Amino acid sequence: TTDLDPYILDHTQSGTYVIGHSSEHGEVRVFKLDRILDVDITQHEFEAGDVEKVAKQLRQSWGGVVFGEAQHDVTIDFSAQVAARIRESYWHPSQKLEPLADGGIRLLVSLPSLLEITPWIRGWGPEAVVVSPPALREEIASSLAQAVANYNHA
């Protein structure tokens, strides 16, 4: 339960979100509308914070949903088999691409959160290898090892 001063209503492929200042958290947060169970409209008036700053921070997230001040420099090497697919798409405003000697491609991005990019990386399976940060590399390796274990318990 929180009092929310709504700043932005944003619709993405993964749903519709309201972004605003949450009294419970004491900061700007993102809430998915589908997860809101009940709303009481109040007569509380508020001055919206720096909406342009909030919008800029959202544009820096991987999927346009996760909001944060942190900075995670992510490096992922993709195999030659998917390098053309990586090159042809605009993935993120901070992206840099570097060719690899084996015909693969290295993607470098700076993100406020690793939450959204983690399942995206898993989706590339053996065609993607996280170089950094180490915690993300370990998370991907661990989850893929668990996936293998799931198939070994037939």
C-alpha atoms as a PDB file:
ATOM      1  CA  THR A   1       0.000   0.000   0.000  1.00  0.00           C
ATOM      2  CA  THR A   2       1.354   3.392  -0.944  1.00  0.00           C
ATOM      3  CA  ASP A   3       0.277   6.908  -1.823  1.00  0.00           C
ATOM      4  CA  LEU A   4       1.408   7.447  -5.395  1.00  0.00           C
ATOM      5  CA  ASP A   5       1.961  10.767  -7.131  1.00  0.00           C
ATOM      6  CA  PRO A   6       1.742   9.597 -10.770  1.00  0.00           C
ATOM      7  CA  TYR A   7       4.095  11.281 -13.246  1.00  0.00           C
ATOM      8  CA  ILE A   8       4.046   9.079 -16.355  1.00  0.00           C
ATOM      9  CA  LEU A   9       1.762   6.399 -17.782  1.00  0.00           C
ATOM     10  CA  ASP A  10       3.802   4.190 -20.125  1.00  0.00           C
ATOM     11  CA  HIS A  11       2.681   1.326 -22.332  1.00  0.00           C
ATOM     12  CA  THR A  12       5.320  -1.189 -23.460  1.00  0.00           C
ATOM     13  CA  GLN A  13       5.267  -4.669 -24.992  1.00  0.00           C
ATOM     14  CA  SER A  14       5.290  -6.143 -21.490  1.00  0.00           C
ATOM     15  CA  GLY A  15       2.362  -4.089 -20.174  1.00  0.00           C
ATOM     16  CA  THR A  16       1.225  -0.688 -18.981  1.00  0.00           C
ATOM     17  CA  TYR A  17       3.081   1.006 -16.141  1.00  0.00           C
ATOM     18  CA  VAL A  18       2.593   4.039 -13.945  1.00  0.00           C
ATOM     19  CA  ILE A  19       5.734   5.839 -12.817  1.00  0.00           C
ATOM     20  CA  GLY A  20       5.608   8.234  -9.906  1.00  0.00           C
ATOM     21  CA  HIS A  21       6.682   9.087  -6.396  1.00  0.00           C
ATOM     22  CA  SER A  22       5.751   6.387  -3.876  1.00  0.00           C
ATOM     23  CA  SER A  23       5.282   7.494  -0.263  1.00  0.00           C
ATOM     24  CA  GLU A  24       6.009   3.941   0.929  1.00  0.00           C
ATOM     25  CA  HIS A  25       9.389   3.849  -0.808  1.00  0.00           C
ATOM     26  CA  GLY A  26      10.263   7.542  -0.548  1.00  0.00           C
ATOM     27  CA  GLU A  27      11.327   7.661  -4.186  1.00  0.00           C
ATOM     28  CA  VAL A  28      10.122   7.405  -7.775  1.00  0.00           C
ATOM     29  CA  ARG A  29       9.074   3.838  -8.569  1.00  0.00           C
ATOM     30  CA  VAL A  30       7.530   1.896 -11.441  1.00  0.00           C
ATOM     31  CA  PHE A  31       4.287  -0.051 -10.914  1.00  0.00           C
ATOM     32  CA  LYS A  32       2.679  -2.421 -13.434  1.00  0.00           C
ATOM     33  CA  LEU A  33      -1.024  -1.609 -13.692  1.00  0.00           C
ATOM     34  CA  ASP A  34      -2.009  -5.293 -13.893  1.00  0.00           C
ATOM     35  CA  ARG A  35      -0.542  -5.826 -10.418  1.00  0.00           C
ATOM     36  CA  ILE A  36      -2.459  -3.002  -8.735  1.00  0.00           C
ATOM     37  CA  LEU A  37      -5.338  -4.575  -6.830  1.00  0.00           C
ATOM     38  CA  ASP A  38      -7.213  -1.533  -5.550  1.00  0.00           C
ATOM     39  CA  VAL A  39      -7.137   2.237  -5.996  1.00  0.00           C
ATOM     40  CA  ASP A  40      -8.547   4.998  -3.812  1.00  0.00           C
ATOM     41  CA  ILE A  41      -8.591   8.379  -5.518  1.00  0.00           C
ATOM     42  CA  THR A  42      -7.753  11.178  -3.089  1.00  0.00           C
ATOM     43  CA  GLN A  43      -7.871  14.952  -3.287  1.00  0.00           C
ATOM     44  CA  HIS A  44      -4.137  15.078  -2.516  1.00  0.00           C
ATOM     45  CA  GLU A  45      -2.392  17.601  -4.752  1.00  0.00           C
ATOM     46  CA  PHE A  46       1.280  17.367  -5.642  1.00  0.00           C
ATOM     47  CA  GLU A  47       3.952  18.978  -7.760  1.00  0.00           C
ATOM     48  CA  ALA A  48       5.411  16.501 -10.210  1.00  0.00           C
ATOM     49  CA  GLY A  49       9.143  15.976  -9.849  1.00  0.00           C
ATOM     50  CA  ASP A  50      11.533  16.306 -12.756  1.00  0.00           C
ATOM     51  CA  VAL A  51       9.488  14.319 -15.291  1.00  0.00           C
ATOM     52  CA  GLU A  52      12.098  14.763 -18.023  1.00  0.00           C
ATOM     53  CA  LYS A  53      14.766  13.279 -15.742  1.00  0.00           C
ATOM     54  CA  VAL A  54      12.464  10.339 -14.947  1.00  0.00           C
ATOM     55  CA  ALA A  55      11.751   9.800 -18.660  1.00  0.00           C
ATOM     56  CA  LYS A  56      15.478   9.916 -19.448  1.00  0.00           C
ATOM     57  CA  GLN A  57      16.206   7.303 -16.775  1.00  0.00           C
ATOM     58  CA  LEU A  58      13.505   5.026 -18.198  1.00  0.00           C
ATOM     59  CA  ARG A  59      15.036   5.330 -21.675  1.00  0.00           C
ATOM     60  CA  GLN A  60      18.302   4.018 -20.224  1.00  0.00           C
ATOM     61  CA  SER A  61      16.706   0.777 -19.007  1.00  0.00           C
ATOM     62  CA  TRP A  62      16.864  -2.328 -21.198  1.00  0.00           C
ATOM     63  CA  GLY A  63      13.124  -2.756 -21.667  1.00  0.00           C
ATOM     64  CA  GLY A  64      11.908   0.714 -20.786  1.00  0.00           C
ATOM     65  CA  VAL A  65      10.439  -0.377 -17.470  1.00  0.00           C
ATOM     66  CA  VAL A  66      13.083  -0.728 -14.752  1.00  0.00           C
ATOM     67  CA  PHE A  67      13.993   2.563 -13.135  1.00  0.00           C
ATOM     68  CA  GLY A  68      17.223   3.154 -11.268  1.00  0.00           C
ATOM     69  CA  GLU A  69      20.252   5.280 -10.591  1.00  0.00           C
ATOM     70  CA  ALA A  70      22.797   2.420 -10.652  1.00  0.00           C
ATOM     71  CA  GLN A  71      25.119   1.813 -13.571  1.00  0.00           C
ATOM     72  CA  HIS A  72      25.995  -1.704 -14.696  1.00  0.00           C
ATOM     73  CA  ASP A  73      28.473  -1.963 -17.544  1.00  0.00           C
ATOM     74  CA  VAL A  74      27.502  -5.148 -19.387  1.00  0.00           C
ATOM     75  CA  THR A  75      29.656  -6.921 -21.967  1.00  0.00           C
ATOM     76  CA  ILE A  76      28.299  -9.871 -23.942  1.00  0.00           C
ATOM     77  CA  ASP A  77      30.087 -11.835 -26.660  1.00  0.00           C
ATOM     78  CA  PHE A  78      27.867 -13.317 -29.355  1.00  0.00           C
ATOM     79  CA  SER A  79      28.876 -16.132 -31.692  1.00  0.00           C
ATOM     80  CA  ALA A  80      29.440 -15.696 -35.409  1.00  0.00           C
ATOM     81  CA  GLN A  81      26.148 -17.571 -35.992  1.00  0.00           C
ATOM     82  CA  VAL A  82      24.096 -14.665 -34.556  1.00  0.00           C
ATOM     83  CA  ALA A  83      26.477 -11.741 -35.127  1.00  0.00           C
ATOM     84  CA  ALA A  84      24.499 -10.417 -38.111  1.00  0.00           C
ATOM     85  CA  ARG A  85      21.290 -10.420 -36.030  1.00  0.00           C
ATOM     86  CA  ILE A  86      23.003  -8.467 -33.246  1.00  0.00           C
ATOM     87  CA  ARG A  87      24.474  -5.968 -35.716  1.00  0.00           C
ATOM     88  CA  GLU A  88      21.180  -5.288 -37.501  1.00  0.00           C
ATOM     89  CA  SER A  89      19.238  -4.218 -34.412  1.00  0.00           C
ATOM     90  CA  TYR A  90      19.268  -1.143 -32.251  1.00  0.00           C
ATOM     91  CA  TRP A  91      19.216  -2.667 -28.774  1.00  0.00           C
ATOM     92  CA  HIS A  92      19.952   0.249 -26.465  1.00  0.00           C
ATOM     93  CA  PRO A  93      20.996   3.942 -26.570  1.00  0.00           C
ATOM     94  CA  SER A  94      24.348   3.163 -24.911  1.00  0.00           C
ATOM     95  CA  GLN A  95      25.240   0.196 -27.120  1.00  0.00           C
ATOM     96  CA  LYS A  96      28.651  -0.246 -28.666  1.00  0.00           C
ATOM     97  CA  LEU A  97      29.518  -3.125 -30.978  1.00  0.00           C
ATOM     98  CA  GLU A  98      32.985  -4.551 -31.462  1.00  0.00           C
ATOM     99  CA  PRO A  99      33.875  -7.287 -33.945  1.00  0.00           C
ATOM    100  CA  LEU A 100      35.512 -10.429 -32.530  1.00  0.00           C
ATOM    101  CA  ALA A 101      38.347 -12.327 -34.249  1.00  0.00           C
ATOM    102  CA  ASP A 102      36.186 -15.450 -34.713  1.00  0.00           C
ATOM    103  CA  GLY A 103      33.464 -13.548 -36.608  1.00  0.00           C
ATOM    104  CA  GLY A 104      31.356 -12.956 -33.514  1.00  0.00           C
ATOM    105  CA  ILE A 105      30.357  -9.603 -32.094  1.00  0.00           C
ATOM    106  CA  ARG A 106      30.757  -7.996 -28.668  1.00  0.00           C
ATOM    107  CA  LEU A 107      27.871  -5.908 -27.311  1.00  0.00           C
ATOM    108  CA  LEU A 108      28.605  -3.330 -24.609  1.00  0.00           C
ATOM    109  CA  VAL A 109      25.777  -1.499 -22.804  1.00  0.00           C
ATOM    110  CA  SER A 110      25.403   0.529 -19.616  1.00  0.00           C
ATOM    111  CA  LEU A 111      22.180  -0.189 -17.693  1.00  0.00           C
ATOM    112  CA  PRO A 112      20.510   0.958 -14.460  1.00  0.00           C
ATOM    113  CA  SER A 113      19.447  -2.617 -13.656  1.00  0.00           C
ATOM    114  CA  LEU A 114      20.233  -6.174 -14.744  1.00  0.00           C
ATOM    115  CA  LEU A 115      16.668  -7.374 -14.182  1.00  0.00           C
ATOM    116  CA  GLU A 116      15.403  -6.996 -17.742  1.00  0.00           C
ATOM    117  CA  ILE A 117      18.509  -8.030 -19.663  1.00  0.00           C
ATOM    118  CA  THR A 118      19.033 -11.298 -17.751  1.00  0.00           C
ATOM    119  CA  PRO A 119      16.189 -13.293 -19.387  1.00  0.00           C
ATOM    120  CA  TRP A 120      17.058 -11.724 -22.756  1.00  0.00           C
ATOM    121  CA  ILE A 121      20.588 -13.106 -22.485  1.00  0.00           C
ATOM    122  CA  ARG A 122      19.263 -16.545 -21.468  1.00  0.00           C
ATOM    123  CA  GLY A 123      17.184 -16.537 -24.632  1.00  0.00           C
ATOM    124  CA  TRP A 124      20.339 -16.532 -26.751  1.00  0.00           C
ATOM    125  CA  GLY A 125      21.436 -19.818 -25.141  1.00  0.00           C
ATOM    126  CA  PRO A 126      24.889 -20.973 -26.202  1.00  0.00           C
ATOM    127  CA  GLU A 127      25.239 -18.121 -28.714  1.00  0.00           C
ATOM    128  CA  ALA A 128      25.868 -15.551 -25.932  1.00  0.00           C
ATOM    129  CA  VAL A 129      28.549 -15.409 -23.248  1.00  0.00           C
ATOM    130  CA  VAL A 130      28.490 -12.711 -20.575  1.00  0.00           C
ATOM    131  CA  VAL A 131      31.974 -11.270 -20.118  1.00  0.00           C
ATOM    132  CA  SER A 132      31.019  -8.803 -17.389  1.00  0.00           C
ATOM    133  CA  PRO A 133      29.889  -7.977 -14.796  1.00  0.00           C
ATOM    134  CA  PRO A 134      30.921 -11.123 -12.892  1.00  0.00           C
ATOM    135  CA  ALA A 135      27.638 -11.337 -10.925  1.00  0.00           C
ATOM    136  CA  LEU A 136      25.615 -11.393 -14.155  1.00  0.00           C
ATOM    137  CA  ARG A 137      27.956 -13.986 -15.670  1.00  0.00           C
ATOM    138  CA  GLU A 138      27.476 -16.183 -12.589  1.00  0.00           C
ATOM    139  CA  GLU A 139      23.673 -15.732 -12.660  1.00  0.00           C
ATOM    140  CA  ILE A 140      23.443 -16.746 -16.322  1.00  0.00           C
ATOM    141  CA  ALA A 141      25.796 -19.720 -15.863  1.00  0.00           C
ATOM    142  CA  SER A 142      23.896 -20.901 -12.794  1.00  0.00           C
ATOM    143  CA  SER A 143      20.465 -20.628 -14.409  1.00  0.00           C
ATOM    144  CA  LEU A 144      21.612 -22.422 -17.567  1.00  0.00           C
ATOM    145  CA  ALA A 145      23.184 -25.190 -15.456  1.00  0.00           C
ATOM    146  CA  GLN A 146      19.844 -25.560 -13.649  1.00  0.00           C
ATOM    147  CA  ALA A 147      18.075 -25.778 -17.006  1.00  0.00           C
ATOM    148  CA  VAL A 148      20.399 -28.623 -18.016  1.00  0.00           C
ATOM    149  CA  ALA A 149      19.715 -30.348 -14.681  1.00  0.00           C
ATOM    150  CA  ASN A 150      15.974 -30.048 -15.293  1.00  0.00           C
ATOM    151  CA  TYR A 151      16.374 -31.972 -18.558  1.00  0.00           C
ATOM    152  CA  ASN A 152      18.608 -34.593 -16.949  1.00  0.00           C
ATOM    153  CA  HIS A 153      15.846 -35.516 -14.486  1.00  0.00           C
ATOM    154  CA  ALA A 154      13.542 -36.971 -17.117  1.00  0.00           C
END
